[in-house]
Amino acid sequence: MIKINKTPLDFEPRNNIIPTLPASPPLFEQVEMSEFESAFLCGLIKKYEPKKILEVGIAEGGTTAIILNCLESIGQEYKMYSVDVSEKCYTMAEKNRDFWLKIP
């Protein structure tokens, strides 16, 4: 396991989420946060076990899904608040920001 300033990198939440996201349209082929960045973020979440998280800027929601998967794996109660200035996805103007939450 790689550690940055004693924070373990956790790649598992991203690895769990990526296969579940639709590959089409192409915006879901990659989460905008890099693999390293999401592993570092998940490592911090697991290390500090926050009860509240504020996400500023949602984009298409891929990182949101990774964070939620990580929070669920901790097994404690939490609240996550995600905000963005736009109601629509910037890459797909016809889609609301929350459309990925409705994917079965």
PDB file of N, CA and C in Angstrom:
ATOM      1  N   MET A   1       0.841  -1.179   0.000  1.00  0.00           N
ATOM      2  CA  MET A   1       0.000   0.000   0.000  1.00  0.00           C
ATOM      3  C   MET A   1       0.886   1.242   0.000  1.00  0.00           C
ATOM      4  N   ILE A   2       0.586   2.169  -0.876  1.00  0.00           N
ATOM      5  CA  ILE A   2       1.309   3.440  -0.937  1.00  0.00           C
ATOM      6  C   ILE A   2       0.719   4.381   0.111  1.00  0.00           C
ATOM      7  N   LYS A   3       1.591   5.152   0.781  1.00  0.00           N
ATOM      8  CA  LYS A   3       1.110   6.138   1.758  1.00  0.00           C
ATOM      9  C   LYS A   3       1.696   7.501   1.429  1.00  0.00           C
ATOM     10  N   ILE A   4       0.871   8.537   1.530  1.00  0.00           N
ATOM     11  CA  ILE A   4       1.298   9.915   1.353  1.00  0.00           C
ATOM     12  C   ILE A   4       1.082  10.599   2.692  1.00  0.00           C
ATOM     13  N   ASN A   5       2.168  11.060   3.302  1.00  0.00           N
ATOM     14  CA  ASN A   5       2.056  11.672   4.632  1.00  0.00           C
ATOM     15  C   ASN A   5       1.227  10.793   5.563  1.00  0.00           C
ATOM     16  N   LYS A   6       1.520   9.505   5.545  1.00  0.00           N
ATOM     17  CA  LYS A   6       0.856   8.510   6.392  1.00  0.00           C
ATOM     18  C   LYS A   6      -0.621   8.310   6.067  1.00  0.00           C
ATOM     19  N   THR A   7      -1.047   8.795   4.910  1.00  0.00           N
ATOM     20  CA  THR A   7      -2.423   8.566   4.463  1.00  0.00           C
ATOM     21  C   THR A   7      -2.396   7.474   3.402  1.00  0.00           C
ATOM     22  N   PRO A   8      -3.030   6.336   3.679  1.00  0.00           N
ATOM     23  CA  PRO A   8      -3.034   5.269   2.673  1.00  0.00           C
ATOM     24  C   PRO A   8      -3.881   5.657   1.465  1.00  0.00           C
ATOM     25  N   LEU A   9      -3.428   5.272   0.295  1.00  0.00           N
ATOM     26  CA  LEU A   9      -4.207   5.474  -0.918  1.00  0.00           C
ATOM     27  C   LEU A   9      -5.187   4.310  -1.042  1.00  0.00           C
ATOM     28  N   ASP A  10      -6.461   4.627  -1.301  1.00  0.00           N
ATOM     29  CA  ASP A  10      -7.483   3.588  -1.401  1.00  0.00           C
ATOM     30  C   ASP A  10      -8.101   3.631  -2.799  1.00  0.00           C
ATOM     31  N   PHE A  11      -7.716   2.690  -3.641  1.00  0.00           N
ATOM     32  CA  PHE A  11      -8.195   2.620  -5.022  1.00  0.00           C
ATOM     33  C   PHE A  11      -9.502   1.848  -5.150  1.00  0.00           C
ATOM     34  N   GLU A  12      -9.904   1.134  -4.113  1.00  0.00           N
ATOM     35  CA  GLU A  12     -11.061   0.245  -4.185  1.00  0.00           C
ATOM     36  C   GLU A  12     -12.370   0.952  -4.551  1.00  0.00           C
ATOM     37  N   PRO A  13     -12.741   2.087  -3.908  1.00  0.00           N
ATOM     38  CA  PRO A  13     -14.020   2.719  -4.272  1.00  0.00           C
ATOM     39  C   PRO A  13     -14.094   3.095  -5.758  1.00  0.00           C
ATOM     40  N   ARG A  14     -13.008   3.621  -6.303  1.00  0.00           N
ATOM     41  CA  ARG A  14     -13.004   3.963  -7.735  1.00  0.00           C
ATOM     42  C   ARG A  14     -13.131   2.699  -8.579  1.00  0.00           C
ATOM     43  N   ASN A  15     -12.384   1.657  -8.213  1.00  0.00           N
ATOM     44  CA  ASN A  15     -12.449   0.406  -8.961  1.00  0.00           C
ATOM     45  C   ASN A  15     -13.839  -0.224  -8.891  1.00  0.00           C
ATOM     46  N   ASN A  16     -14.556   0.000  -7.790  1.00  0.00           N
ATOM     47  CA  ASN A  16     -15.923  -0.506  -7.666  1.00  0.00           C
ATOM     48  C   ASN A  16     -16.901   0.266  -8.550  1.00  0.00           C
ATOM     49  N   ILE A  17     -16.690   1.566  -8.684  1.00  0.00           N
ATOM     50  CA  ILE A  17     -17.646   2.449  -9.361  1.00  0.00           C
ATOM     51  C   ILE A  17     -17.459   2.484 -10.876  1.00  0.00           C
ATOM     52  N   ILE A  18     -16.235   2.566 -11.344  1.00  0.00           N
ATOM     53  CA  ILE A  18     -15.988   2.745 -12.780  1.00  0.00           C
ATOM     54  C   ILE A  18     -16.749   1.726 -13.642  1.00  0.00           C
ATOM     55  N   PRO A  19     -16.749   0.429 -13.297  1.00  0.00           N
ATOM     56  CA  PRO A  19     -17.477  -0.530 -14.154  1.00  0.00           C
ATOM     57  C   PRO A  19     -18.996  -0.330 -14.149  1.00  0.00           C
ATOM     58  N   THR A  20     -19.535   0.350 -13.150  1.00  0.00           N
ATOM     59  CA  THR A  20     -20.984   0.530 -13.073  1.00  0.00           C
ATOM     60  C   THR A  20     -21.472   1.750 -13.838  1.00  0.00           C
ATOM     61  N   LEU A  21     -20.568   2.654 -14.196  1.00  0.00           N
ATOM     62  CA  LEU A  21     -20.956   3.859 -14.922  1.00  0.00           C
ATOM     63  C   LEU A  21     -21.091   3.551 -16.405  1.00  0.00           C
ATOM     64  N   PRO A  22     -22.093   4.127 -17.061  1.00  0.00           N
ATOM     65  CA  PRO A  22     -22.265   3.870 -18.489  1.00  0.00           C
ATOM     66  C   PRO A  22     -21.044   4.346 -19.275  1.00  0.00           C
ATOM     67  N   ALA A  23     -20.597   3.553 -20.229  1.00  0.00           N
ATOM     68  CA  ALA A  23     -19.449   3.930 -21.063  1.00  0.00           C
ATOM     69  C   ALA A  23     -19.872   4.884 -22.173  1.00  0.00           C
ATOM     70  N   SER A  24     -21.160   5.031 -22.362  1.00  0.00           N
ATOM     71  CA  SER A  24     -21.659   5.908 -23.408  1.00  0.00           C
ATOM     72  C   SER A  24     -22.765   6.766 -22.800  1.00  0.00           C
ATOM     73  N   PRO A  25     -22.761   8.057 -22.977  1.00  0.00           N
ATOM     74  CA  PRO A  25     -21.822   8.865 -23.738  1.00  0.00           C
ATOM     75  C   PRO A  25     -20.432   8.870 -23.099  1.00  0.00           C
ATOM     76  N   PRO A  26     -19.416   9.319 -23.874  1.00  0.00           N
ATOM     77  CA  PRO A  26     -18.030   9.167 -23.444  1.00  0.00           C
ATOM     78  C   PRO A  26     -17.670   9.884 -22.136  1.00  0.00           C
ATOM     79  N   LEU A  27     -18.512  10.772 -21.624  1.00  0.00           N
ATOM     80  CA  LEU A  27     -18.142  11.470 -20.395  1.00  0.00           C
ATOM     81  C   LEU A  27     -17.925  10.512 -19.237  1.00  0.00           C
ATOM     82  N   PHE A  28     -18.500   9.313 -19.282  1.00  0.00           N
ATOM     83  CA  PHE A  28     -18.332   8.380 -18.178  1.00  0.00           C
ATOM     84  C   PHE A  28     -17.168   7.423 -18.394  1.00  0.00           C
ATOM     85  N   GLU A  29     -16.438   7.568 -19.491  1.00  0.00           N
ATOM     86  CA  GLU A  29     -15.280   6.710 -19.687  1.00  0.00           C
ATOM     87  C   GLU A  29     -14.194   7.057 -18.675  1.00  0.00           C
ATOM     88  N   GLN A  30     -14.184   8.265 -18.222  1.00  0.00           N
ATOM     89  CA  GLN A  30     -13.210   8.717 -17.228  1.00  0.00           C
ATOM     90  C   GLN A  30     -13.921   9.581 -16.193  1.00  0.00           C
ATOM     91  N   VAL A  31     -13.569   9.397 -14.953  1.00  0.00           N
ATOM     92  CA  VAL A  31     -14.004  10.318 -13.904  1.00  0.00           C
ATOM     93  C   VAL A  31     -13.025  11.479 -13.968  1.00  0.00           C
ATOM     94  N   GLU A  32     -13.498  12.698 -13.797  1.00  0.00           N
ATOM     95  CA  GLU A  32     -12.619  13.845 -13.976  1.00  0.00           C
ATOM     96  C   GLU A  32     -11.494  13.915 -12.951  1.00  0.00           C
ATOM     97  N   MET A  33     -11.680  13.333 -11.788  1.00  0.00           N
ATOM     98  CA  MET A  33     -10.607  13.272 -10.803  1.00  0.00           C
ATOM     99  C   MET A  33      -9.684  12.127 -11.211  1.00  0.00           C
ATOM    100  N   SER A  34      -8.375  12.344 -11.128  1.00  0.00           N
ATOM    101  CA  SER A  34      -7.438  11.288 -11.528  1.00  0.00           C
ATOM    102  C   SER A  34      -7.535  10.103 -10.570  1.00  0.00           C
ATOM    103  N   GLU A  35      -6.993   8.973 -11.019  1.00  0.00           N
ATOM    104  CA  GLU A  35      -7.006   7.768 -10.186  1.00  0.00           C
ATOM    105  C   GLU A  35      -6.267   8.023  -8.867  1.00  0.00           C
ATOM    106  N   PHE A  36      -5.121   8.686  -8.948  1.00  0.00           N
ATOM    107  CA  PHE A  36      -4.358   9.012  -7.739  1.00  0.00           C
ATOM    108  C   PHE A  36      -5.148   9.939  -6.819  1.00  0.00           C
ATOM    109  N   GLU A  37      -5.744  10.992  -7.394  1.00  0.00           N
ATOM    110  CA  GLU A  37      -6.497  11.953  -6.576  1.00  0.00           C
ATOM    111  C   GLU A  37      -7.670  11.288  -5.860  1.00  0.00           C
ATOM    112  N   SER A  38      -8.405  10.437  -6.575  1.00  0.00           N
ATOM    113  CA  SER A  38      -9.546   9.783  -5.926  1.00  0.00           C
ATOM    114  C   SER A  38      -9.067   8.777  -4.875  1.00  0.00           C
ATOM    115  N   ALA A  39      -7.937   8.096  -5.114  1.00  0.00           N
ATOM    116  CA  ALA A  39      -7.389   7.167  -4.119  1.00  0.00           C
ATOM    117  C   ALA A  39      -6.938   7.920  -2.868  1.00  0.00           C
ATOM    118  N   PHE A  40      -6.341   9.098  -3.054  1.00  0.00           N
ATOM    119  CA  PHE A  40      -5.919   9.921  -1.919  1.00  0.00           C
ATOM    120  C   PHE A  40      -7.132  10.409  -1.137  1.00  0.00           C
ATOM    121  N   LEU A  41      -8.145  10.904  -1.860  1.00  0.00           N
ATOM    122  CA  LEU A  41      -9.368  11.371  -1.212  1.00  0.00           C
ATOM    123  C   LEU A  41     -10.031  10.246  -0.419  1.00  0.00           C
ATOM    124  N   CYS A  42     -10.141   9.066  -1.013  1.00  0.00           N
ATOM    125  CA  CYS A  42     -10.760   7.931  -0.310  1.00  0.00           C
ATOM    126  C   CYS A  42      -9.916   7.494   0.879  1.00  0.00           C
ATOM    127  N   GLY A  43      -8.597   7.584   0.756  1.00  0.00           N
ATOM    128  CA  GLY A  43      -7.723   7.291   1.890  1.00  0.00           C
ATOM    129  C   GLY A  43      -7.980   8.245   3.046  1.00  0.00           C
ATOM    130  N   LEU A  44      -8.148   9.529   2.719  1.00  0.00           N
ATOM    131  CA  LEU A  44      -8.462  10.521   3.764  1.00  0.00           C
ATOM    132  C   LEU A  44      -9.818  10.242   4.404  1.00  0.00           C
ATOM    133  N   ILE A  45     -10.800   9.904   3.573  1.00  0.00           N
ATOM    134  CA  ILE A  45     -12.145   9.619   4.088  1.00  0.00           C
ATOM    135  C   ILE A  45     -12.095   8.424   5.045  1.00  0.00           C
ATOM    136  N   LYS A  46     -11.394   7.376   4.661  1.00  0.00           N
ATOM    137  CA  LYS A  46     -11.320   6.196   5.527  1.00  0.00           C
ATOM    138  C   LYS A  46     -10.493   6.457   6.782  1.00  0.00           C
ATOM    139  N   LYS A  47      -9.495   7.308   6.667  1.00  0.00           N
ATOM    140  CA  LYS A  47      -8.644   7.624   7.825  1.00  0.00           C
ATOM    141  C   LYS A  47      -9.393   8.463   8.853  1.00  0.00           C
ATOM    142  N   TYR A  48     -10.119   9.487   8.386  1.00  0.00           N
ATOM    143  CA  TYR A  48     -10.756  10.433   9.306  1.00  0.00           C
ATOM    144  C   TYR A  48     -12.242  10.167   9.541  1.00  0.00           C
ATOM    145  N   GLU A  49     -12.851   9.308   8.727  1.00  0.00           N
ATOM    146  CA  GLU A  49     -14.259   8.928   8.862  1.00  0.00           C
ATOM    147  C   GLU A  49     -15.184  10.130   9.133  1.00  0.00           C
ATOM    148  N   PRO A  50     -15.259  11.061   8.179  1.00  0.00           N
ATOM    149  CA  PRO A  50     -16.101  12.248   8.385  1.00  0.00           C
ATOM    150  C   PRO A  50     -17.578  11.896   8.461  1.00  0.00           C
ATOM    151  N   LYS A  51     -18.288  12.658   9.237  1.00  0.00           N
ATOM    152  CA  LYS A  51     -19.737  12.471   9.341  1.00  0.00           C
ATOM    153  C   LYS A  51     -20.471  13.399   8.385  1.00  0.00           C
ATOM    154  N   LYS A  52     -19.773  14.450   7.924  1.00  0.00           N
ATOM    155  CA  LYS A  52     -20.348  15.388   6.953  1.00  0.00           C
ATOM    156  C   LYS A  52     -19.296  15.703   5.900  1.00  0.00           C
ATOM    157  N   ILE A  53     -19.747  15.725   4.630  1.00  0.00           N
ATOM    158  CA  ILE A  53     -18.878  16.100   3.520  1.00  0.00           C
ATOM    159  C   ILE A  53     -19.615  17.109   2.653  1.00  0.00           C
ATOM    160  N   LEU A  54     -18.903  18.149   2.252  1.00  0.00           N
ATOM    161  CA  LEU A  54     -19.424  19.133   1.314  1.00  0.00           C
ATOM    162  C   LEU A  54     -18.606  19.028   0.040  1.00  0.00           C
ATOM    163  N   GLU A  55     -19.263  18.696  -1.046  1.00  0.00           N
ATOM    164  CA  GLU A  55     -18.609  18.629  -2.358  1.00  0.00           C
ATOM    165  C   GLU A  55     -19.027  19.862  -3.141  1.00  0.00           C
ATOM    166  N   VAL A  56     -18.055  20.663  -3.549  1.00  0.00           N
ATOM    167  CA  VAL A  56     -18.328  21.870  -4.322  1.00  0.00           C
ATOM    168  C   VAL A  56     -17.917  21.609  -5.758  1.00  0.00           C
ATOM    169  N   GLY A  57     -18.907  21.571  -6.645  1.00  0.00           N
ATOM    170  CA  GLY A  57     -18.679  21.262  -8.049  1.00  0.00           C
ATOM    171  C   GLY A  57     -18.890  19.785  -8.295  1.00  0.00           C
ATOM    172  N   ILE A  58     -19.925  19.446  -9.047  1.00  0.00           N
ATOM    173  CA  ILE A  58     -20.304  18.056  -9.238  1.00  0.00           C
ATOM    174  C   ILE A  58     -19.847  17.522 -10.595  1.00  0.00           C
ATOM    175  N   ALA A  59     -19.743  18.387 -11.593  1.00  0.00           N
ATOM    176  CA  ALA A  59     -19.483  17.961 -12.977  1.00  0.00           C
ATOM    177  C   ALA A  59     -20.522  16.912 -13.357  1.00  0.00           C
ATOM    178  N   GLU A  60     -20.093  15.716 -13.796  1.00  0.00           N
ATOM    179  CA  GLU A  60     -21.060  14.686 -14.172  1.00  0.00           C
ATOM    180  C   GLU A  60     -21.413  13.760 -13.020  1.00  0.00           C
ATOM    181  N   GLY A  61     -20.722  13.855 -11.901  1.00  0.00           N
ATOM    182  CA  GLY A  61     -21.071  13.064 -10.724  1.00  0.00           C
ATOM    183  C   GLY A  61     -20.258  11.803 -10.514  1.00  0.00           C
ATOM    184  N   GLY A  62     -19.249  11.554 -11.340  1.00  0.00           N
ATOM    185  CA  GLY A  62     -18.429  10.361 -11.181  1.00  0.00           C
ATOM    186  C   GLY A  62     -17.695  10.334  -9.849  1.00  0.00           C
ATOM    187  N   THR A  63     -17.089  11.466  -9.472  1.00  0.00           N
ATOM    188  CA  THR A  63     -16.391  11.537  -8.187  1.00  0.00           C
ATOM    189  C   THR A  63     -17.374  11.430  -7.039  1.00  0.00           C
ATOM    190  N   THR A  64     -18.563  11.986  -7.218  1.00  0.00           N
ATOM    191  CA  THR A  64     -19.607  11.859  -6.195  1.00  0.00           C
ATOM    192  C   THR A  64     -19.898  10.388  -5.935  1.00  0.00           C
ATOM    193  N   ALA A  65     -20.019   9.610  -7.002  1.00  0.00           N
ATOM    194  CA  ALA A  65     -20.294   8.178  -6.861  1.00  0.00           C
ATOM    195  C   ALA A  65     -19.155   7.469  -6.133  1.00  0.00           C
ATOM    196  N   ILE A  66     -17.909   7.846  -6.423  1.00  0.00           N
ATOM    197  CA  ILE A  66     -16.757   7.247  -5.744  1.00  0.00           C
ATOM    198  C   ILE A  66     -16.779   7.590  -4.259  1.00  0.00           C
ATOM    199  N   ILE A  67     -17.039   8.857  -3.935  1.00  0.00           N
ATOM    200  CA  ILE A  67     -17.097   9.280  -2.536  1.00  0.00           C
ATOM    201  C   ILE A  67     -18.200   8.531  -1.796  1.00  0.00           C
ATOM    202  N   LEU A  68     -19.370   8.416  -2.413  1.00  0.00           N
ATOM    203  CA  LEU A  68     -20.480   7.706  -1.767  1.00  0.00           C
ATOM    204  C   LEU A  68     -20.141   6.239  -1.542  1.00  0.00           C
ATOM    205  N   ASN A  69     -19.480   5.612  -2.514  1.00  0.00           N
ATOM    206  CA  ASN A  69     -19.067   4.219  -2.346  1.00  0.00           C
ATOM    207  C   ASN A  69     -18.085   4.084  -1.188  1.00  0.00           C
ATOM    208  N   CYS A  70     -17.167   5.011  -1.085  1.00  0.00           N
ATOM    209  CA  CYS A  70     -16.194   4.999   0.000  1.00  0.00           C
ATOM    210  C   CYS A  70     -16.881   5.190   1.351  1.00  0.00           C
ATOM    211  N   LEU A  71     -17.799   6.143   1.433  1.00  0.00           N
ATOM    212  CA  LEU A  71     -18.529   6.385   2.680  1.00  0.00           C
ATOM    213  C   LEU A  71     -19.338   5.164   3.095  1.00  0.00           C
ATOM    214  N   GLU A  72     -19.969   4.503   2.129  1.00  0.00           N
ATOM    215  CA  GLU A  72     -20.748   3.301   2.435  1.00  0.00           C
ATOM    216  C   GLU A  72     -19.854   2.189   2.982  1.00  0.00           C
ATOM    217  N   SER A  73     -18.632   2.106   2.484  1.00  0.00           N
ATOM    218  CA  SER A  73     -17.729   1.037   2.929  1.00  0.00           C
ATOM    219  C   SER A  73     -17.277   1.228   4.375  1.00  0.00           C
ATOM    220  N   ILE A  74     -17.346   2.462   4.873  1.00  0.00           N
ATOM    221  CA  ILE A  74     -16.960   2.729   6.267  1.00  0.00           C
ATOM    222  C   ILE A  74     -18.001   2.163   7.225  1.00  0.00           C
ATOM    223  N   GLY A  75     -19.273   2.219   6.807  1.00  0.00           N
ATOM    224  CA  GLY A  75     -20.332   1.632   7.610  1.00  0.00           C
ATOM    225  C   GLY A  75     -20.828   2.497   8.757  1.00  0.00           C
ATOM    226  N   GLN A  76     -20.588   3.791   8.695  1.00  0.00           N
ATOM    227  CA  GLN A  76     -21.143   4.677   9.717  1.00  0.00           C
ATOM    228  C   GLN A  76     -22.080   5.682   9.053  1.00  0.00           C
ATOM    229  N   GLU A  77     -22.899   6.324   9.862  1.00  0.00           N
ATOM    230  CA  GLU A  77     -23.820   7.320   9.312  1.00  0.00           C
ATOM    231  C   GLU A  77     -23.034   8.536   8.833  1.00  0.00           C
ATOM    232  N   TYR A  78     -23.520   9.142   7.748  1.00  0.00           N
ATOM    233  CA  TYR A  78     -22.876  10.329   7.207  1.00  0.00           C
ATOM    234  C   TYR A  78     -23.927  11.171   6.487  1.00  0.00           C
ATOM    235  N   LYS A  79     -23.575  12.402   6.213  1.00  0.00           N
ATOM    236  CA  LYS A  79     -24.363  13.281   5.358  1.00  0.00           C
ATOM    237  C   LYS A  79     -23.404  13.879   4.337  1.00  0.00           C
ATOM    238  N   MET A  80     -23.821  13.852   3.087  1.00  0.00           N
ATOM    239  CA  MET A  80     -23.013  14.446   2.036  1.00  0.00           C
ATOM    240  C   MET A  80     -23.856  15.477   1.310  1.00  0.00           C
ATOM    241  N   TYR A  81     -23.282  16.634   1.136  1.00  0.00           N
ATOM    242  CA  TYR A  81     -23.939  17.735   0.433  1.00  0.00           C
ATOM    243  C   TYR A  81     -23.101  18.048  -0.799  1.00  0.00           C
ATOM    244  N   SER A  82     -23.727  18.002  -1.964  1.00  0.00           N
ATOM    245  CA  SER A  82     -23.042  18.308  -3.220  1.00  0.00           C
ATOM    246  C   SER A  82     -23.737  19.491  -3.867  1.00  0.00           C
ATOM    247  N   VAL A  83     -22.962  20.500  -4.232  1.00  0.00           N
ATOM    248  CA  VAL A  83     -23.532  21.711  -4.824  1.00  0.00           C
ATOM    249  C   VAL A  83     -22.772  22.076  -6.093  1.00  0.00           C
ATOM    250  N   ASP A  84     -23.483  22.718  -6.991  1.00  0.00           N
ATOM    251  CA  ASP A  84     -22.891  23.205  -8.225  1.00  0.00           C
ATOM    252  C   ASP A  84     -23.711  24.407  -8.681  1.00  0.00           C
ATOM    253  N   VAL A  85     -23.095  25.316  -9.403  1.00  0.00           N
ATOM    254  CA  VAL A  85     -23.816  26.513  -9.848  1.00  0.00           C
ATOM    255  C   VAL A  85     -24.764  26.211 -11.003  1.00  0.00           C
ATOM    256  N   SER A  86     -24.505  25.129 -11.730  1.00  0.00           N
ATOM    257  CA  SER A  86     -25.331  24.776 -12.877  1.00  0.00           C
ATOM    258  C   SER A  86     -26.238  23.600 -12.542  1.00  0.00           C
ATOM    259  N   GLU A  87     -27.455  23.638 -13.062  1.00  0.00           N
ATOM    260  CA  GLU A  87     -28.363  22.510 -12.887  1.00  0.00           C
ATOM    261  C   GLU A  87     -28.141  21.453 -13.962  1.00  0.00           C
ATOM    262  N   LYS A  88     -27.491  21.820 -15.042  1.00  0.00           N
ATOM    263  CA  LYS A  88     -27.284  20.922 -16.179  1.00  0.00           C
ATOM    264  C   LYS A  88     -25.822  20.482 -16.248  1.00  0.00           C
ATOM    265  N   CYS A  89     -25.599  19.320 -16.842  1.00  0.00           N
ATOM    266  CA  CYS A  89     -24.240  18.834 -17.097  1.00  0.00           C
ATOM    267  C   CYS A  89     -23.617  19.700 -18.183  1.00  0.00           C
ATOM    268  N   TYR A  90     -22.391  20.117 -17.994  1.00  0.00           N
ATOM    269  CA  TYR A  90     -21.778  20.987 -18.992  1.00  0.00           C
ATOM    270  C   TYR A  90     -21.416  20.234 -20.268  1.00  0.00           C
ATOM    271  N   THR A  91     -21.296  18.925 -20.218  1.00  0.00           N
ATOM    272  CA  THR A  91     -20.981  18.165 -21.426  1.00  0.00           C
ATOM    273  C   THR A  91     -22.227  17.662 -22.140  1.00  0.00           C
ATOM    274  N   MET A  92     -23.369  17.655 -21.415  1.00  0.00           N
ATOM    275  CA  MET A  92     -24.635  17.212 -22.006  1.00  0.00           C
ATOM    276  C   MET A  92     -25.729  18.141 -21.494  1.00  0.00           C
ATOM    277  N   ALA A  93     -25.926  19.235 -22.196  1.00  0.00           N
ATOM    278  CA  ALA A  93     -26.829  20.281 -21.721  1.00  0.00           C
ATOM    279  C   ALA A  93     -28.265  19.811 -21.506  1.00  0.00           C
ATOM    280  N   GLU A  94     -28.651  18.713 -22.176  1.00  0.00           N
ATOM    281  CA  GLU A  94     -30.034  18.228 -22.022  1.00  0.00           C
ATOM    282  C   GLU A  94     -30.219  17.420 -20.734  1.00  0.00           C
ATOM    283  N   LYS A  95     -29.141  17.090 -20.032  1.00  0.00           N
ATOM    284  CA  LYS A  95     -29.213  16.250 -18.829  1.00  0.00           C
ATOM    285  C   LYS A  95     -29.060  17.089 -17.557  1.00  0.00           C
ATOM    286  N   ASN A  96     -29.890  16.789 -16.567  1.00  0.00           N
ATOM    287  CA  ASN A  96     -29.722  17.396 -15.253  1.00  0.00           C
ATOM    288  C   ASN A  96     -28.527  16.757 -14.559  1.00  0.00           C
ATOM    289  N   ARG A  97     -27.958  17.463 -13.609  1.00  0.00           N
ATOM    290  CA  ARG A  97     -26.785  16.964 -12.890  1.00  0.00           C
ATOM    291  C   ARG A  97     -27.051  15.631 -12.192  1.00  0.00           C
ATOM    292  N   ASP A  98     -28.270  15.375 -11.793  1.00  0.00           N
ATOM    293  CA  ASP A  98     -28.546  14.168 -11.016  1.00  0.00           C
ATOM    294  C   ASP A  98     -28.954  12.976 -11.887  1.00  0.00           C
ATOM    295  N   PHE A  99     -28.813  13.063 -13.226  1.00  0.00           N
ATOM    296  CA  PHE A  99     -29.312  11.979 -14.073  1.00  0.00           C
ATOM    297  C   PHE A  99     -28.612  10.652 -13.793  1.00  0.00           C
ATOM    298  N   TRP A 100     -27.352  10.668 -13.418  1.00  0.00           N
ATOM    299  CA  TRP A 100     -26.638   9.399 -13.171  1.00  0.00           C
ATOM    300  C   TRP A 100     -27.174   8.685 -11.951  1.00  0.00           C
ATOM    301  N   LEU A 101     -27.818   9.398 -11.034  1.00  0.00           N
ATOM    302  CA  LEU A 101     -28.400   8.748  -9.850  1.00  0.00           C
ATOM    303  C   LEU A 101     -29.578   7.866 -10.230  1.00  0.00           C
ATOM    304  N   LYS A 102     -30.140   8.117 -11.413  1.00  0.00           N
ATOM    305  CA  LYS A 102     -31.331   7.381 -11.843  1.00  0.00           C
ATOM    306  C   LYS A 102     -30.978   6.190 -12.724  1.00  0.00           C
ATOM    307  N   ILE A 103     -29.700   5.954 -12.949  1.00  0.00           N
ATOM    308  CA  ILE A 103     -29.280   4.823 -13.777  1.00  0.00           C
ATOM    309  C   ILE A 103     -29.376   3.563 -12.928  1.00  0.00           C
ATOM    310  N   PRO A 104     -30.081   2.525 -13.433  1.00  0.00           N
ATOM    311  CA  PRO A 104     -30.261   1.311 -12.615  1.00  0.00           C
ATOM    312  C   PRO A 104     -28.956   0.603 -12.324  1.00  0.00           C
TER     313      PRO A 104
END
